N, C-alpha and C. Protein backbone atom coordinates (compact mmCIF):
# COMPACT_ATOMS: atom_id res chain seq x y z
N MET A 1 0.81 -1.18 0.00
CA MET A 1 0.00 0.00 0.00
C MET A 1 0.87 1.27 0.00
N LYS A 2 1.98 1.27 0.73
CA LYS A 2 2.86 2.43 0.77
C LYS A 2 3.43 2.73 -0.61
N SER A 3 3.75 1.69 -1.38
CA SER A 3 4.27 1.87 -2.73
C SER A 3 3.23 2.56 -3.61
N GLN A 4 1.98 2.15 -3.48
CA GLN A 4 0.90 2.74 -4.27
C GLN A 4 0.70 4.21 -3.87
N ASP A 5 0.77 4.52 -2.58
CA ASP A 5 0.64 5.90 -2.11
C ASP A 5 1.74 6.78 -2.70
N LYS A 6 2.97 6.26 -2.72
CA LYS A 6 4.09 7.01 -3.29
C LYS A 6 3.87 7.25 -4.77
N GLU A 7 3.37 6.25 -5.49
CA GLU A 7 3.10 6.42 -6.92
C GLU A 7 2.05 7.50 -7.14
N ILE A 8 1.06 7.55 -6.31
CA ILE A 8 0.02 8.58 -6.44
C ILE A 8 0.62 9.96 -6.16
N ARG A 9 1.44 10.07 -5.11
CA ARG A 9 2.07 11.36 -4.80
C ARG A 9 2.98 11.80 -5.95
N ASP A 10 3.73 10.85 -6.50
CA ASP A 10 4.62 11.17 -7.62
C ASP A 10 3.83 11.64 -8.83
N ALA A 11 2.75 10.95 -9.13
CA ALA A 11 1.93 11.31 -10.29
C ALA A 11 1.31 12.70 -10.10
N ARG A 12 0.95 13.03 -8.87
CA ARG A 12 0.37 14.35 -8.59
C ARG A 12 1.44 15.43 -8.50
N ASN A 13 2.73 15.02 -8.45
CA ASN A 13 3.84 15.96 -8.33
C ASN A 13 3.61 16.88 -7.12
N GLU A 14 3.37 16.27 -5.96
CA GLU A 14 2.99 17.00 -4.76
C GLU A 14 4.13 17.82 -4.17
N ASP A 15 3.75 18.97 -3.64
CA ASP A 15 4.68 19.80 -2.90
C ASP A 15 5.07 19.04 -1.64
N PRO A 16 6.36 18.93 -1.33
CA PRO A 16 6.77 18.13 -0.17
C PRO A 16 6.31 18.69 1.18
N ILE A 17 5.97 19.97 1.24
CA ILE A 17 5.55 20.56 2.50
C ILE A 17 4.03 20.61 2.62
N THR A 18 3.38 21.15 1.59
CA THR A 18 1.93 21.35 1.68
C THR A 18 1.11 20.18 1.16
N GLY A 19 1.71 19.32 0.33
CA GLY A 19 0.97 18.20 -0.26
C GLY A 19 0.12 18.62 -1.44
N GLU A 20 0.16 19.89 -1.82
CA GLU A 20 -0.62 20.38 -2.96
C GLU A 20 -0.04 19.80 -4.25
N PRO A 21 -0.91 19.46 -5.21
CA PRO A 21 -0.41 18.94 -6.48
C PRO A 21 0.24 20.04 -7.31
N GLY A 22 1.11 19.63 -8.22
CA GLY A 22 1.70 20.58 -9.15
C GLY A 22 2.88 21.34 -8.61
N SER A 23 3.69 20.72 -7.77
CA SER A 23 4.86 21.37 -7.21
C SER A 23 5.93 21.51 -8.30
N HIS A 24 6.50 22.69 -8.42
CA HIS A 24 7.55 22.94 -9.40
C HIS A 24 8.64 23.79 -8.75
N PRO A 25 9.36 23.23 -7.77
CA PRO A 25 10.33 24.04 -7.03
C PRO A 25 11.44 24.61 -7.89
N VAL A 26 11.89 23.89 -8.93
CA VAL A 26 12.94 24.42 -9.79
C VAL A 26 12.41 25.63 -10.55
N ALA A 27 11.23 25.48 -11.13
CA ALA A 27 10.65 26.59 -11.90
C ALA A 27 10.42 27.81 -11.02
N VAL A 28 9.90 27.59 -9.82
CA VAL A 28 9.66 28.71 -8.91
C VAL A 28 10.98 29.35 -8.50
N GLY A 29 11.97 28.54 -8.19
CA GLY A 29 13.28 29.07 -7.79
C GLY A 29 13.95 29.87 -8.89
N VAL A 30 13.93 29.33 -10.10
CA VAL A 30 14.53 30.04 -11.22
C VAL A 30 13.77 31.34 -11.48
N GLY A 31 12.45 31.28 -11.46
CA GLY A 31 11.65 32.48 -11.67
C GLY A 31 11.90 33.53 -10.61
N THR A 32 12.02 33.09 -9.36
CA THR A 32 12.29 34.02 -8.26
C THR A 32 13.63 34.72 -8.45
N ALA A 33 14.66 33.94 -8.77
CA ALA A 33 15.99 34.52 -8.95
C ALA A 33 16.02 35.50 -10.11
N ALA A 34 15.42 35.12 -11.23
CA ALA A 34 15.41 35.99 -12.40
C ALA A 34 14.61 37.26 -12.12
N GLY A 35 13.45 37.11 -11.49
CA GLY A 35 12.62 38.27 -11.18
C GLY A 35 13.29 39.21 -10.19
N ALA A 36 13.94 38.64 -9.18
CA ALA A 36 14.63 39.47 -8.19
C ALA A 36 15.77 40.24 -8.83
N ALA A 37 16.53 39.59 -9.70
CA ALA A 37 17.64 40.27 -10.37
C ALA A 37 17.13 41.41 -11.25
N ALA A 38 16.07 41.14 -12.02
CA ALA A 38 15.52 42.17 -12.89
C ALA A 38 14.92 43.31 -12.07
N GLY A 39 14.15 42.97 -11.05
CA GLY A 39 13.54 44.00 -10.20
C GLY A 39 14.58 44.84 -9.48
N GLY A 40 15.62 44.20 -9.01
CA GLY A 40 16.69 44.92 -8.32
C GLY A 40 17.42 45.88 -9.25
N ALA A 41 17.64 45.43 -10.50
CA ALA A 41 18.32 46.28 -11.47
C ALA A 41 17.48 47.50 -11.81
N VAL A 42 16.20 47.30 -12.04
CA VAL A 42 15.31 48.41 -12.36
C VAL A 42 15.18 49.34 -11.15
N GLY A 43 15.00 48.76 -9.97
CA GLY A 43 14.85 49.57 -8.76
C GLY A 43 16.10 50.35 -8.38
N ALA A 44 17.26 49.91 -8.85
CA ALA A 44 18.52 50.57 -8.51
C ALA A 44 18.55 52.00 -9.00
N ILE A 45 17.74 52.30 -10.01
CA ILE A 45 17.67 53.68 -10.51
C ILE A 45 17.25 54.62 -9.40
N ALA A 46 16.38 54.14 -8.50
CA ALA A 46 15.90 54.96 -7.39
C ALA A 46 16.81 54.87 -6.17
N GLY A 47 17.92 54.22 -6.28
CA GLY A 47 18.85 54.11 -5.18
C GLY A 47 18.76 52.78 -4.46
N PRO A 48 19.47 52.61 -3.33
CA PRO A 48 19.52 51.34 -2.62
C PRO A 48 18.16 50.85 -2.15
N VAL A 49 17.31 51.74 -1.68
CA VAL A 49 15.98 51.32 -1.22
C VAL A 49 15.17 50.83 -2.40
N GLY A 50 15.26 51.55 -3.51
CA GLY A 50 14.54 51.13 -4.73
C GLY A 50 15.02 49.77 -5.21
N ALA A 51 16.31 49.51 -5.11
CA ALA A 51 16.85 48.21 -5.52
C ALA A 51 16.29 47.10 -4.65
N ALA A 52 16.21 47.36 -3.34
CA ALA A 52 15.68 46.34 -2.42
C ALA A 52 14.22 46.07 -2.69
N VAL A 53 13.43 47.13 -2.84
CA VAL A 53 12.00 46.97 -3.12
C VAL A 53 11.82 46.28 -4.47
N GLY A 54 12.57 46.71 -5.46
CA GLY A 54 12.49 46.10 -6.79
C GLY A 54 12.82 44.62 -6.77
N ALA A 55 13.81 44.24 -5.97
CA ALA A 55 14.20 42.83 -5.88
C ALA A 55 13.08 42.00 -5.25
N VAL A 56 12.44 42.53 -4.22
CA VAL A 56 11.35 41.80 -3.56
C VAL A 56 10.17 41.64 -4.51
N VAL A 57 9.74 42.75 -5.10
CA VAL A 57 8.59 42.70 -6.01
C VAL A 57 8.92 41.83 -7.22
N GLY A 58 10.09 41.99 -7.78
CA GLY A 58 10.50 41.17 -8.92
C GLY A 58 10.59 39.70 -8.56
N GLY A 59 11.06 39.40 -7.37
CA GLY A 59 11.16 38.01 -6.93
C GLY A 59 9.80 37.35 -6.82
N ILE A 60 8.83 38.08 -6.29
CA ILE A 60 7.47 37.54 -6.17
C ILE A 60 6.88 37.30 -7.55
N ALA A 61 7.00 38.29 -8.42
CA ALA A 61 6.47 38.14 -9.79
C ALA A 61 7.17 37.00 -10.51
N GLY A 62 8.47 36.90 -10.32
CA GLY A 62 9.22 35.82 -10.96
C GLY A 62 8.81 34.46 -10.46
N ALA A 63 8.54 34.33 -9.18
CA ALA A 63 8.11 33.05 -8.61
C ALA A 63 6.79 32.61 -9.22
N VAL A 64 5.86 33.54 -9.33
CA VAL A 64 4.56 33.22 -9.93
C VAL A 64 4.73 32.82 -11.38
N SER A 65 5.54 33.57 -12.10
CA SER A 65 5.78 33.26 -13.51
C SER A 65 6.49 31.91 -13.66
N GLY A 66 7.47 31.65 -12.82
CA GLY A 66 8.19 30.37 -12.88
C GLY A 66 7.29 29.20 -12.58
N LYS A 67 6.40 29.33 -11.60
CA LYS A 67 5.47 28.25 -11.28
C LYS A 67 4.55 27.98 -12.46
N ALA A 68 4.06 29.04 -13.09
CA ALA A 68 3.17 28.87 -14.25
C ALA A 68 3.90 28.16 -15.38
N GLY A 69 5.15 28.53 -15.60
CA GLY A 69 5.93 27.87 -16.65
C GLY A 69 6.19 26.41 -16.33
N GLY A 70 6.40 26.12 -15.06
CA GLY A 70 6.67 24.75 -14.65
C GLY A 70 5.45 23.85 -14.70
N GLU A 71 4.25 24.43 -14.69
CA GLU A 71 3.03 23.63 -14.71
C GLU A 71 2.95 22.75 -15.95
N ALA A 72 3.55 23.18 -17.05
CA ALA A 72 3.46 22.43 -18.29
C ALA A 72 4.30 21.16 -18.25
N VAL A 73 5.17 21.04 -17.28
CA VAL A 73 6.09 19.91 -17.22
C VAL A 73 5.83 19.09 -15.96
N ASN A 74 5.50 17.84 -16.14
CA ASN A 74 5.34 16.93 -15.02
C ASN A 74 6.52 15.97 -15.08
N PRO A 75 7.49 16.10 -14.17
CA PRO A 75 8.69 15.26 -14.23
C PRO A 75 8.39 13.77 -14.22
N THR A 76 7.35 13.36 -13.54
CA THR A 76 7.00 11.93 -13.49
C THR A 76 6.58 11.45 -14.86
N VAL A 77 5.78 12.24 -15.55
CA VAL A 77 5.34 11.89 -16.90
C VAL A 77 6.52 11.88 -17.87
N GLU A 78 7.37 12.89 -17.77
CA GLU A 78 8.53 12.96 -18.68
C GLU A 78 9.48 11.79 -18.47
N GLU A 79 9.75 11.47 -17.22
CA GLU A 79 10.67 10.35 -16.94
C GLU A 79 10.09 9.05 -17.48
N ALA A 80 8.82 8.82 -17.29
CA ALA A 80 8.18 7.59 -17.79
C ALA A 80 8.22 7.55 -19.31
N TYR A 81 7.95 8.68 -19.94
CA TYR A 81 7.98 8.74 -21.41
C TYR A 81 9.37 8.36 -21.93
N TRP A 82 10.40 9.00 -21.38
CA TRP A 82 11.75 8.76 -21.89
C TRP A 82 12.26 7.37 -21.53
N ARG A 83 11.89 6.88 -20.38
CA ARG A 83 12.30 5.51 -20.02
C ARG A 83 11.75 4.52 -21.06
N GLU A 84 10.49 4.72 -21.46
CA GLU A 84 9.87 3.82 -22.44
C GLU A 84 10.40 4.04 -23.85
N ASN A 85 10.65 5.27 -24.22
CA ASN A 85 11.01 5.59 -25.61
C ASN A 85 12.50 5.69 -25.88
N HIS A 86 13.31 5.72 -24.85
CA HIS A 86 14.76 5.86 -25.01
C HIS A 86 15.38 4.82 -25.94
N PRO A 87 15.05 3.54 -25.81
CA PRO A 87 15.73 2.54 -26.65
C PRO A 87 15.55 2.77 -28.15
N ARG A 88 14.51 3.48 -28.55
CA ARG A 88 14.25 3.71 -29.97
C ARG A 88 14.91 4.98 -30.51
N GLN A 89 15.65 5.69 -29.69
CA GLN A 89 16.28 6.93 -30.14
C GLN A 89 17.58 6.60 -30.89
N SER A 90 17.80 7.28 -31.99
CA SER A 90 18.97 6.99 -32.84
C SER A 90 20.29 7.24 -32.11
N TYR A 91 20.32 8.14 -31.15
CA TYR A 91 21.54 8.46 -30.41
C TYR A 91 21.79 7.54 -29.23
N ALA A 92 20.85 6.65 -28.91
CA ALA A 92 20.99 5.76 -27.75
C ALA A 92 22.08 4.72 -28.01
N ALA A 93 23.21 4.90 -27.39
CA ALA A 93 24.35 3.99 -27.58
C ALA A 93 24.08 2.65 -26.90
N ALA A 94 24.43 1.59 -27.58
CA ALA A 94 24.20 0.24 -27.06
C ALA A 94 24.96 -0.01 -25.76
N ASP A 95 26.10 0.64 -25.58
CA ASP A 95 26.90 0.40 -24.38
C ASP A 95 26.54 1.34 -23.22
N SER A 96 25.47 2.11 -23.37
CA SER A 96 25.01 3.01 -22.31
C SER A 96 23.57 2.65 -21.94
N SER A 97 23.25 2.82 -20.67
CA SER A 97 21.90 2.50 -20.20
C SER A 97 21.02 3.75 -20.19
N TYR A 98 19.73 3.54 -19.99
CA TYR A 98 18.81 4.68 -19.83
C TYR A 98 19.31 5.57 -18.69
N ASP A 99 19.82 4.98 -17.62
CA ASP A 99 20.27 5.75 -16.46
C ASP A 99 21.38 6.74 -16.83
N ASP A 100 22.18 6.42 -17.85
CA ASP A 100 23.19 7.37 -18.31
C ASP A 100 22.55 8.57 -18.98
N TYR A 101 21.43 8.34 -19.66
CA TYR A 101 20.76 9.40 -20.40
C TYR A 101 19.74 10.18 -19.57
N ASP A 102 19.27 9.61 -18.47
CA ASP A 102 18.24 10.25 -17.66
C ASP A 102 18.59 11.69 -17.28
N PRO A 103 19.80 11.99 -16.81
CA PRO A 103 20.10 13.39 -16.47
C PRO A 103 20.05 14.32 -17.69
N ALA A 104 20.35 13.77 -18.87
CA ALA A 104 20.29 14.58 -20.09
C ALA A 104 18.85 14.90 -20.45
N TYR A 105 17.98 13.90 -20.38
CA TYR A 105 16.56 14.15 -20.65
C TYR A 105 16.01 15.17 -19.65
N ARG A 106 16.39 14.99 -18.39
CA ARG A 106 15.92 15.90 -17.33
C ARG A 106 16.40 17.33 -17.60
N MET A 107 17.66 17.48 -17.97
CA MET A 107 18.19 18.80 -18.30
C MET A 107 17.38 19.39 -19.46
N GLY A 108 17.02 18.56 -20.41
CA GLY A 108 16.24 19.03 -21.55
C GLY A 108 14.85 19.47 -21.17
N TRP A 109 14.13 18.65 -20.39
CA TRP A 109 12.75 19.05 -20.09
C TRP A 109 12.69 20.18 -19.08
N GLU A 110 13.75 20.38 -18.30
CA GLU A 110 13.80 21.53 -17.40
C GLU A 110 14.36 22.77 -18.10
N GLY A 111 14.98 22.57 -19.25
CA GLY A 111 15.69 23.64 -19.95
C GLY A 111 14.92 24.91 -20.22
N PRO A 112 13.74 24.83 -20.85
CA PRO A 112 13.03 26.08 -21.15
C PRO A 112 12.72 26.90 -19.90
N THR A 113 12.45 26.25 -18.78
CA THR A 113 12.17 26.97 -17.54
C THR A 113 13.46 27.45 -16.89
N ARG A 114 14.46 26.59 -16.86
CA ARG A 114 15.72 26.93 -16.18
C ARG A 114 16.53 27.98 -16.95
N TYR A 115 16.61 27.82 -18.27
CA TYR A 115 17.47 28.69 -19.07
C TYR A 115 16.70 29.79 -19.78
N GLY A 116 15.38 29.65 -19.86
CA GLY A 116 14.49 30.69 -20.34
C GLY A 116 14.74 31.23 -21.74
N THR A 117 15.16 30.41 -22.63
CA THR A 117 15.44 30.88 -23.99
C THR A 117 15.34 29.69 -24.94
N ASN A 118 15.81 29.84 -26.16
CA ASN A 118 15.75 28.69 -27.07
C ASN A 118 16.98 27.80 -26.87
N PHE A 119 16.90 26.60 -27.41
CA PHE A 119 17.94 25.60 -27.18
C PHE A 119 19.32 26.09 -27.62
N GLU A 120 19.39 26.67 -28.81
CA GLU A 120 20.69 27.10 -29.34
C GLU A 120 21.33 28.15 -28.44
N ALA A 121 20.52 29.11 -27.97
CA ALA A 121 21.05 30.16 -27.10
C ALA A 121 21.48 29.62 -25.74
N ALA A 122 20.82 28.56 -25.29
CA ALA A 122 21.12 27.98 -23.97
C ALA A 122 22.21 26.92 -24.02
N ASN A 123 22.59 26.49 -25.21
CA ASN A 123 23.51 25.36 -25.36
C ASN A 123 24.81 25.55 -24.59
N SER A 124 25.41 26.70 -24.69
CA SER A 124 26.69 26.95 -24.01
C SER A 124 26.55 26.83 -22.49
N ALA A 125 25.49 27.41 -21.94
CA ALA A 125 25.27 27.33 -20.49
C ALA A 125 25.02 25.88 -20.07
N MET A 126 24.25 25.15 -20.87
CA MET A 126 23.97 23.75 -20.52
C MET A 126 25.25 22.92 -20.60
N ARG A 127 26.07 23.17 -21.61
CA ARG A 127 27.33 22.44 -21.73
C ARG A 127 28.17 22.67 -20.48
N SER A 128 28.21 23.92 -20.02
CA SER A 128 28.97 24.24 -18.80
C SER A 128 28.38 23.55 -17.57
N ASP A 129 27.05 23.46 -17.51
CA ASP A 129 26.37 22.86 -16.36
C ASP A 129 26.39 21.34 -16.37
N TRP A 130 26.66 20.71 -17.52
CA TRP A 130 26.52 19.26 -17.65
C TRP A 130 27.36 18.49 -16.63
N GLU A 131 28.60 18.84 -16.46
CA GLU A 131 29.47 18.09 -15.55
C GLU A 131 28.91 18.07 -14.13
N GLU A 132 28.31 19.18 -13.72
CA GLU A 132 27.74 19.26 -12.38
C GLU A 132 26.41 18.49 -12.28
N ARG A 133 25.63 18.49 -13.33
CA ARG A 133 24.29 17.92 -13.29
C ARG A 133 24.21 16.47 -13.72
N LYS A 134 25.25 15.93 -14.32
CA LYS A 134 25.14 14.58 -14.89
C LYS A 134 25.18 13.46 -13.86
N GLY A 135 25.57 13.76 -12.65
CA GLY A 135 25.60 12.72 -11.62
C GLY A 135 26.53 11.58 -12.01
N SER A 136 26.03 10.35 -11.99
CA SER A 136 26.86 9.19 -12.28
C SER A 136 26.84 8.79 -13.75
N SER A 137 26.23 9.61 -14.60
CA SER A 137 26.19 9.32 -16.03
C SER A 137 27.61 9.26 -16.60
N LYS A 138 27.83 8.32 -17.52
CA LYS A 138 29.13 8.18 -18.17
C LYS A 138 29.26 9.09 -19.39
N LEU A 139 28.18 9.75 -19.78
CA LEU A 139 28.16 10.52 -21.02
C LEU A 139 28.92 11.83 -20.90
N ASP A 140 29.66 12.17 -21.96
CA ASP A 140 30.21 13.51 -22.04
C ASP A 140 29.16 14.37 -22.75
N TRP A 141 29.40 15.67 -22.83
CA TRP A 141 28.39 16.57 -23.38
C TRP A 141 28.02 16.20 -24.82
N GLN A 142 29.01 15.84 -25.61
CA GLN A 142 28.75 15.51 -27.02
C GLN A 142 27.74 14.37 -27.14
N ASP A 143 27.83 13.37 -26.26
CA ASP A 143 26.91 12.25 -26.30
C ASP A 143 25.57 12.57 -25.62
N ALA A 144 25.59 13.46 -24.65
CA ALA A 144 24.37 13.82 -23.93
C ALA A 144 23.52 14.82 -24.69
N GLU A 145 24.14 15.68 -25.46
CA GLU A 145 23.43 16.79 -26.11
C GLU A 145 22.21 16.36 -26.93
N PRO A 146 22.26 15.29 -27.72
CA PRO A 146 21.05 14.92 -28.46
C PRO A 146 19.86 14.57 -27.55
N ALA A 147 20.12 13.95 -26.42
CA ALA A 147 19.05 13.62 -25.48
C ALA A 147 18.53 14.88 -24.79
N VAL A 148 19.42 15.82 -24.49
CA VAL A 148 19.00 17.09 -23.91
C VAL A 148 18.09 17.81 -24.91
N ARG A 149 18.51 17.85 -26.16
CA ARG A 149 17.71 18.50 -27.21
C ARG A 149 16.35 17.82 -27.34
N ALA A 150 16.32 16.50 -27.32
CA ALA A 150 15.06 15.76 -27.45
C ALA A 150 14.11 16.08 -26.30
N GLY A 151 14.63 16.11 -25.08
CA GLY A 151 13.81 16.46 -23.92
C GLY A 151 13.29 17.88 -24.03
N TRP A 152 14.15 18.80 -24.44
CA TRP A 152 13.78 20.21 -24.59
C TRP A 152 12.68 20.34 -25.65
N GLU A 153 12.89 19.73 -26.81
CA GLU A 153 11.93 19.87 -27.92
C GLU A 153 10.58 19.26 -27.58
N ARG A 154 10.57 18.15 -26.86
CA ARG A 154 9.29 17.54 -26.48
C ARG A 154 8.49 18.49 -25.59
N VAL A 155 9.13 19.08 -24.59
CA VAL A 155 8.46 19.99 -23.67
C VAL A 155 8.06 21.28 -24.40
N ASP A 156 8.94 21.78 -25.24
CA ASP A 156 8.65 22.99 -25.99
C ASP A 156 7.42 22.79 -26.88
N LYS A 157 7.34 21.63 -27.50
CA LYS A 157 6.19 21.31 -28.36
C LYS A 157 4.92 21.25 -27.52
N LYS A 158 4.98 20.59 -26.36
CA LYS A 158 3.80 20.50 -25.49
C LYS A 158 3.36 21.89 -25.04
N ARG A 159 4.29 22.76 -24.72
CA ARG A 159 3.95 24.12 -24.29
C ARG A 159 3.29 24.88 -25.43
N GLY A 160 3.79 24.70 -26.64
CA GLY A 160 3.17 25.35 -27.80
C GLY A 160 1.75 24.87 -28.02
N GLU A 161 1.53 23.58 -27.84
CA GLU A 161 0.17 23.03 -27.98
C GLU A 161 -0.73 23.58 -26.90
N ASP A 162 -0.21 23.74 -25.68
CA ASP A 162 -1.02 24.30 -24.58
C ASP A 162 -1.42 25.75 -24.86
N ARG A 163 -0.56 26.47 -25.61
CA ARG A 163 -0.87 27.86 -25.95
C ARG A 163 -1.65 27.95 -27.26
N GLY A 164 -1.93 26.81 -27.89
CA GLY A 164 -2.67 26.81 -29.16
C GLY A 164 -1.78 27.07 -30.36
N VAL A 165 -0.46 26.94 -30.18
CA VAL A 165 0.50 27.13 -31.27
C VAL A 165 0.92 25.75 -31.74
N LEU A 166 0.80 25.50 -33.01
CA LEU A 166 1.19 24.18 -33.52
C LEU A 166 2.45 24.23 -34.26
């Protein structure tokens, strides 16, 4: 029964504190940081107090925006999709397991929210981040990049469909 409860919580993507469905801590965190930086920069025109107020207001707006962006991505659904579909990908090396590619897919589906731009513009930052984020994966960036792109494109396509853009 405990296993089934965990599966339900995972499927609902519950917030670890409140239990509310649809938790997106990465999206909220990235949005908060970006909003605070932008608000602080704009507020700096009015001096130190303006920078502080701008950072707070920008952080709140960024958190809301980041959560909304994260709603389109359910990590449980994405992981299940890639686990099932990974063996059919042309870049899937026979001597590497799904577990080697999992961090690359994850980087891809988190990419639009984390890096906030298109894949090509974010590529350099992701390449720099790969060593830190790959965990125990044996893949170097050259081998991981196609899986990152695939994860990114799948989520980007889903977001476009949610906005009515085909």
